[in-house]
Structure formats: C-alpha cells, structure tokens
Amino acid sequence: MPKLKLPKQRTVEVPARIWKRASAFMIDLLIINIVILYPFKKYFKSMLPTDNFKQAIDYAITNPPITETITTIAIMASILTVLYFSLSNHKTGTTIGKYLMKLKTKSTEKESRYWQHLVASLTFIPFMPFILLWAVDPVYMFMNEKRQRLMERIGKLETVEEVEVI
C-alpha cells in the first residue's frame, strides 16, 4: 500500500493571544502570592491589631516603626517578584504561568540580555512612578499589533506562542 505524502506540519511564532497572556499572568500571581507574600501573612496579623483595613492603615501610619517594617517587607517582596519574572524569563524564556500556557518571551534583537527582562519586570514594583505602569502597560498591549506591553517594547521583548500552519 503506498504511503500518503502529507505536507509536514510547520509552526510559526505569532504574538501571544491576550487571554493566554492574562491566564499566564494570573497563574504567576498565584505563585507569587503563595511563595512570596503568604509567609508574611502571620507577621502582618501580629503587627496590625485589626482585620479592618482602614483601621490597620490608620494604626500603621500613627506608628512609624510599623510603617518602616511594612515598607521594608514591601520592598523585599517587590525585589523578589521582579527577580522571579526577570530571571525566569531570561534563563528559560518563560515563567511557570507562561510555560503552562505555552508562551515564551523572546528578544526582538539577536540575543536576549538580562537587562531587557529586568526592564520589562519593573511593572511589578508597587511604588511611584512604577505603579502607573499597572494601568498603562495593559492598555498599551491592546493598542499595538505585536501585543507588547509598554515595558516589553522598551526592553525590546515580545511574548509569543507557536501555532501550527498547514
């Protein structure tokens, strides 16, 4: 019996679909919440005498040592979050969330450099002026054909997925 001569399957890289990017990001946030933020939960509960958010903020503001401790923890968590995104994207081209969604980050230049991934990860710093990127970054993604976040564009990166072409 003769063998069929079917065309070989080819794959091409295309800009990642937004729903896949959002899903990957949610998975990564869940991991960050469990690994980085959860260990501080008991510490915060012991420092702040109430579960009421407004009362806790008022208490922290009127107690400078607590404010300093909370600020230090926030800085440490920010650094760890930036390191998670920048190192994993640089070393493997993906984070756990991107891996599960079959996405990868690649440089628009010849080779990927760490500074590119670091720049793209600055979005995750919860202090001014970086906090403005929380709104600007996703909006920018909807406004360009490569679906790059603003910080990816500045860092000369893009998030892609492979699709099969017949």
C-alpha atoms as a PDB file:
ATOM      1  CA  MET A   1       0.000   0.000   0.000  1.00  0.00           C
ATOM      2  CA  PRO A   2       1.519   3.381  -0.956  1.00  0.00           C
ATOM      3  CA  LYS A   3       2.175   5.929   1.791  1.00  0.00           C
ATOM      4  CA  LEU A   4       0.344   9.197   1.713  1.00  0.00           C
ATOM      5  CA  LYS A   5       2.535  12.206   1.101  1.00  0.00           C
ATOM      6  CA  LEU A   6       1.068  14.695   3.505  1.00  0.00           C
ATOM      7  CA  PRO A   7       2.612  18.102   3.964  1.00  0.00           C
ATOM      8  CA  LYS A   8       4.776  18.433   7.046  1.00  0.00           C
ATOM      9  CA  GLN A   9       3.327  20.397   9.879  1.00  0.00           C
ATOM     10  CA  ARG A  10       5.043  23.722  10.352  1.00  0.00           C
ATOM     11  CA  THR A  11       4.870  26.048  13.281  1.00  0.00           C
ATOM     12  CA  VAL A  12       5.277  29.785  13.312  1.00  0.00           C
ATOM     13  CA  GLU A  13       5.624  32.229  16.165  1.00  0.00           C
ATOM     14  CA  VAL A  14       2.855  34.778  16.469  1.00  0.00           C
ATOM     15  CA  PRO A  15       2.105  37.397  19.130  1.00  0.00           C
ATOM     16  CA  ALA A  16       0.560  35.669  22.123  1.00  0.00           C
ATOM     17  CA  ARG A  17      -3.206  35.930  22.443  1.00  0.00           C
ATOM     18  CA  ILE A  18      -4.278  38.277  25.201  1.00  0.00           C
ATOM     19  CA  TRP A  19      -6.422  35.719  27.006  1.00  0.00           C
ATOM     20  CA  LYS A  20      -3.436  33.355  27.187  1.00  0.00           C
ATOM     21  CA  ARG A  21      -1.203  36.146  28.476  1.00  0.00           C
ATOM     22  CA  ALA A  22      -3.784  37.080  31.111  1.00  0.00           C
ATOM     23  CA  SER A  23      -4.144  33.441  32.199  1.00  0.00           C
ATOM     24  CA  ALA A  24      -0.366  33.029  32.450  1.00  0.00           C
ATOM     25  CA  PHE A  25      -0.140  36.222  34.488  1.00  0.00           C
ATOM     26  CA  MET A  26      -2.861  35.045  36.891  1.00  0.00           C
ATOM     27  CA  ILE A  27      -1.006  31.756  37.405  1.00  0.00           C
ATOM     28  CA  ASP A  28       2.227  33.662  38.087  1.00  0.00           C
ATOM     29  CA  LEU A  29       0.440  35.970  40.541  1.00  0.00           C
ATOM     30  CA  LEU A  30      -0.941  32.947  42.374  1.00  0.00           C
ATOM     31  CA  ILE A  31       2.578  31.514  42.655  1.00  0.00           C
ATOM     32  CA  ILE A  32       3.950  34.853  43.879  1.00  0.00           C
ATOM     33  CA  ASN A  33       1.143  35.120  46.404  1.00  0.00           C
ATOM     34  CA  ILE A  34       1.836  31.641  47.785  1.00  0.00           C
ATOM     35  CA  VAL A  35       5.639  31.731  47.706  1.00  0.00           C
ATOM     36  CA  ILE A  36       6.478  35.379  48.418  1.00  0.00           C
ATOM     37  CA  LEU A  37       3.514  37.049  50.140  1.00  0.00           C
ATOM     38  CA  TYR A  38       1.895  34.265  52.175  1.00  0.00           C
ATOM     39  CA  PRO A  39       4.874  33.820  54.530  1.00  0.00           C
ATOM     40  CA  PHE A  40       4.392  37.433  55.699  1.00  0.00           C
ATOM     41  CA  LYS A  41       0.674  36.987  56.480  1.00  0.00           C
ATOM     42  CA  LYS A  42       1.148  35.882  60.109  1.00  0.00           C
ATOM     43  CA  TYR A  43       3.692  38.644  60.644  1.00  0.00           C
ATOM     44  CA  PHE A  44       1.252  41.302  59.424  1.00  0.00           C
ATOM     45  CA  LYS A  45      -1.546  39.888  61.572  1.00  0.00           C
ATOM     46  CA  SER A  46       0.650  40.081  64.664  1.00  0.00           C
ATOM     47  CA  MET A  47       1.731  43.673  63.870  1.00  0.00           C
ATOM     48  CA  LEU A  48      -1.688  45.071  62.998  1.00  0.00           C
ATOM     49  CA  PRO A  49      -4.309  44.673  65.736  1.00  0.00           C
ATOM     50  CA  THR A  50      -7.388  44.564  63.486  1.00  0.00           C
ATOM     51  CA  ASP A  51      -8.817  42.934  60.369  1.00  0.00           C
ATOM     52  CA  ASN A  52     -10.444  46.229  59.346  1.00  0.00           C
ATOM     53  CA  PHE A  53      -8.302  47.618  56.503  1.00  0.00           C
ATOM     54  CA  LYS A  54      -8.887  51.306  57.291  1.00  0.00           C
ATOM     55  CA  GLN A  55      -8.114  50.848  60.994  1.00  0.00           C
ATOM     56  CA  ALA A  56      -4.983  48.857  60.143  1.00  0.00           C
ATOM     57  CA  ILE A  57      -3.771  51.640  57.817  1.00  0.00           C
ATOM     58  CA  ASP A  58      -4.509  54.310  60.453  1.00  0.00           C
ATOM     59  CA  TYR A  59      -2.652  52.266  63.078  1.00  0.00           C
ATOM     60  CA  ALA A  60       0.355  51.757  60.793  1.00  0.00           C
ATOM     61  CA  ILE A  61       0.513  55.458  59.881  1.00  0.00           C
ATOM     62  CA  THR A  62       0.494  56.535  63.526  1.00  0.00           C
ATOM     63  CA  ASN A  63       3.237  54.017  64.426  1.00  0.00           C
ATOM     64  CA  PRO A  64       6.401  54.815  62.427  1.00  0.00           C
ATOM     65  CA  PRO A  65       8.262  51.605  63.349  1.00  0.00           C
ATOM     66  CA  ILE A  66       5.405  49.531  61.920  1.00  0.00           C
ATOM     67  CA  THR A  67       5.293  51.704  58.788  1.00  0.00           C
ATOM     68  CA  GLU A  68       9.037  51.179  58.317  1.00  0.00           C
ATOM     69  CA  THR A  69       8.681  47.412  58.742  1.00  0.00           C
ATOM     70  CA  ILE A  70       5.783  47.228  56.277  1.00  0.00           C
ATOM     71  CA  THR A  71       7.749  49.337  53.779  1.00  0.00           C
ATOM     72  CA  THR A  72      10.786  47.076  54.156  1.00  0.00           C
ATOM     73  CA  ILE A  73       8.660  43.969  53.581  1.00  0.00           C
ATOM     74  CA  ALA A  74       7.018  45.584  50.532  1.00  0.00           C
ATOM     75  CA  ILE A  75      10.437  46.423  49.073  1.00  0.00           C
ATOM     76  CA  MET A  76      11.689  42.868  49.674  1.00  0.00           C
ATOM     77  CA  ALA A  77       8.548  41.369  48.107  1.00  0.00           C
ATOM     78  CA  SER A  78       8.923  43.709  45.109  1.00  0.00           C
ATOM     79  CA  ILE A  79      12.543  42.712  44.594  1.00  0.00           C
ATOM     80  CA  LEU A  80      11.669  39.006  44.800  1.00  0.00           C
ATOM     81  CA  THR A  81       8.783  39.469  42.348  1.00  0.00           C
ATOM     82  CA  VAL A  82      10.953  41.350  39.858  1.00  0.00           C
ATOM     83  CA  LEU A  83      13.622  38.653  40.208  1.00  0.00           C
ATOM     84  CA  TYR A  84      11.040  35.899  39.610  1.00  0.00           C
ATOM     85  CA  PHE A  85       9.872  37.458  36.345  1.00  0.00           C
ATOM     86  CA  SER A  86      13.215  38.754  35.079  1.00  0.00           C
ATOM     87  CA  LEU A  87      15.379  35.723  35.909  1.00  0.00           C
ATOM     88  CA  SER A  88      12.905  33.084  34.787  1.00  0.00           C
ATOM     89  CA  ASN A  89      12.162  34.905  31.523  1.00  0.00           C
ATOM     90  CA  HIS A  90      15.865  35.484  30.872  1.00  0.00           C
ATOM     91  CA  LYS A  91      17.072  31.974  31.741  1.00  0.00           C
ATOM     92  CA  THR A  92      14.224  29.914  30.249  1.00  0.00           C
ATOM     93  CA  GLY A  93      12.255  32.367  28.102  1.00  0.00           C
ATOM     94  CA  THR A  94       9.205  31.686  30.218  1.00  0.00           C
ATOM     95  CA  THR A  95       7.679  31.796  33.686  1.00  0.00           C
ATOM     96  CA  ILE A  96       5.662  28.970  35.210  1.00  0.00           C
ATOM     97  CA  GLY A  97       2.429  30.611  34.039  1.00  0.00           C
ATOM     98  CA  LYS A  98       3.756  31.183  30.524  1.00  0.00           C
ATOM     99  CA  TYR A  99       5.072  27.625  30.393  1.00  0.00           C
ATOM    100  CA  LEU A 100       1.645  26.226  31.305  1.00  0.00           C
ATOM    101  CA  MET A 101       0.004  28.439  28.665  1.00  0.00           C
ATOM    102  CA  LYS A 102       2.703  27.511  26.098  1.00  0.00           C
ATOM    103  CA  LEU A 103       4.017  31.057  25.722  1.00  0.00           C
ATOM    104  CA  LYS A 104       7.548  32.364  25.685  1.00  0.00           C
ATOM    105  CA  THR A 105       9.319  35.687  25.858  1.00  0.00           C
ATOM    106  CA  LYS A 106      11.981  36.455  23.313  1.00  0.00           C
ATOM    107  CA  SER A 107      14.149  39.363  22.380  1.00  0.00           C
ATOM    108  CA  THR A 108      13.453  41.369  19.253  1.00  0.00           C
ATOM    109  CA  GLU A 109      17.241  41.716  18.972  1.00  0.00           C
ATOM    110  CA  LYS A 110      19.747  38.995  18.135  1.00  0.00           C
ATOM    111  CA  GLU A 111      20.061  37.595  21.637  1.00  0.00           C
ATOM    112  CA  SER A 112      18.290  38.065  24.922  1.00  0.00           C
ATOM    113  CA  ARG A 113      20.060  40.055  27.634  1.00  0.00           C
ATOM    114  CA  TYR A 114      19.153  40.200  31.311  1.00  0.00           C
ATOM    115  CA  TRP A 115      18.615  43.980  31.316  1.00  0.00           C
ATOM    116  CA  GLN A 116      15.766  43.548  28.803  1.00  0.00           C
ATOM    117  CA  HIS A 117      13.853  41.262  31.150  1.00  0.00           C
ATOM    118  CA  LEU A 118      14.652  43.453  34.128  1.00  0.00           C
ATOM    119  CA  VAL A 119      13.188  46.500  32.358  1.00  0.00           C
ATOM    120  CA  ALA A 120      10.049  44.549  31.405  1.00  0.00           C
ATOM    121  CA  SER A 121       9.641  43.438  35.036  1.00  0.00           C
ATOM    122  CA  LEU A 122       9.761  46.929  36.544  1.00  0.00           C
ATOM    123  CA  THR A 123       5.970  46.985  36.185  1.00  0.00           C
ATOM    124  CA  PHE A 124       5.772  44.841  39.312  1.00  0.00           C
ATOM    125  CA  ILE A 125       7.251  47.439  41.667  1.00  0.00           C
ATOM    126  CA  PRO A 126       4.354  48.780  43.792  1.00  0.00           C
ATOM    127  CA  PHE A 127       5.768  52.285  44.303  1.00  0.00           C
ATOM    128  CA  MET A 128       5.513  55.528  42.368  1.00  0.00           C
ATOM    129  CA  PRO A 129       6.153  56.057  39.493  1.00  0.00           C
ATOM    130  CA  PHE A 130       6.104  52.349  38.598  1.00  0.00           C
ATOM    131  CA  ILE A 131       2.567  51.886  39.901  1.00  0.00           C
ATOM    132  CA  LEU A 132       1.358  53.989  36.942  1.00  0.00           C
ATOM    133  CA  LEU A 133       2.526  51.155  34.703  1.00  0.00           C
ATOM    134  CA  TRP A 134      -0.194  48.913  36.164  1.00  0.00           C
ATOM    135  CA  ALA A 135      -2.694  50.848  34.051  1.00  0.00           C
ATOM    136  CA  VAL A 136      -0.521  51.946  31.123  1.00  0.00           C
ATOM    137  CA  ASP A 137       1.133  48.575  30.409  1.00  0.00           C
ATOM    138  CA  PRO A 138      -2.030  46.534  29.682  1.00  0.00           C
ATOM    139  CA  VAL A 139      -3.694  49.379  27.757  1.00  0.00           C
ATOM    140  CA  TYR A 140      -0.614  49.703  25.562  1.00  0.00           C
ATOM    141  CA  MET A 141      -0.828  45.963  24.854  1.00  0.00           C
ATOM    142  CA  PHE A 142      -4.272  46.417  23.273  1.00  0.00           C
ATOM    143  CA  MET A 143      -3.045  49.283  21.109  1.00  0.00           C
ATOM    144  CA  ASN A 144      -0.267  47.625  19.101  1.00  0.00           C
ATOM    145  CA  GLU A 145      -0.203  44.761  16.642  1.00  0.00           C
ATOM    146  CA  LYS A 146       2.509  42.736  18.432  1.00  0.00           C
ATOM    147  CA  ARG A 147       0.503  42.878  21.682  1.00  0.00           C
ATOM    148  CA  GLN A 148       3.576  44.047  23.581  1.00  0.00           C
ATOM    149  CA  ARG A 149       3.282  45.694  26.961  1.00  0.00           C
ATOM    150  CA  LEU A 150       4.925  49.124  27.097  1.00  0.00           C
ATOM    151  CA  MET A 151       7.794  47.829  29.223  1.00  0.00           C
ATOM    152  CA  GLU A 152       8.326  44.915  26.836  1.00  0.00           C
ATOM    153  CA  ARG A 153       8.579  47.387  23.978  1.00  0.00           C
ATOM    154  CA  ILE A 154      11.113  49.482  25.891  1.00  0.00           C
ATOM    155  CA  GLY A 155      13.019  46.292  26.808  1.00  0.00           C
ATOM    156  CA  LYS A 156      12.868  45.094  23.181  1.00  0.00           C
ATOM    157  CA  LEU A 157      10.969  41.917  24.056  1.00  0.00           C
ATOM    158  CA  GLU A 158       7.856  40.189  22.824  1.00  0.00           C
ATOM    159  CA  THR A 159       5.709  37.366  24.151  1.00  0.00           C
ATOM    160  CA  VAL A 160       4.887  34.786  21.512  1.00  0.00           C
ATOM    161  CA  GLU A 161       3.199  31.445  21.032  1.00  0.00           C
ATOM    162  CA  GLU A 162       3.748  28.817  18.384  1.00  0.00           C
ATOM    163  CA  VAL A 163       0.847  27.908  16.127  1.00  0.00           C
ATOM    164  CA  GLU A 164       0.671  25.155  13.550  1.00  0.00           C
ATOM    165  CA  VAL A 165       0.353  26.140   9.918  1.00  0.00           C
ATOM    166  CA  ILE A 166      -0.934  23.724   7.308  1.00  0.00           C
END
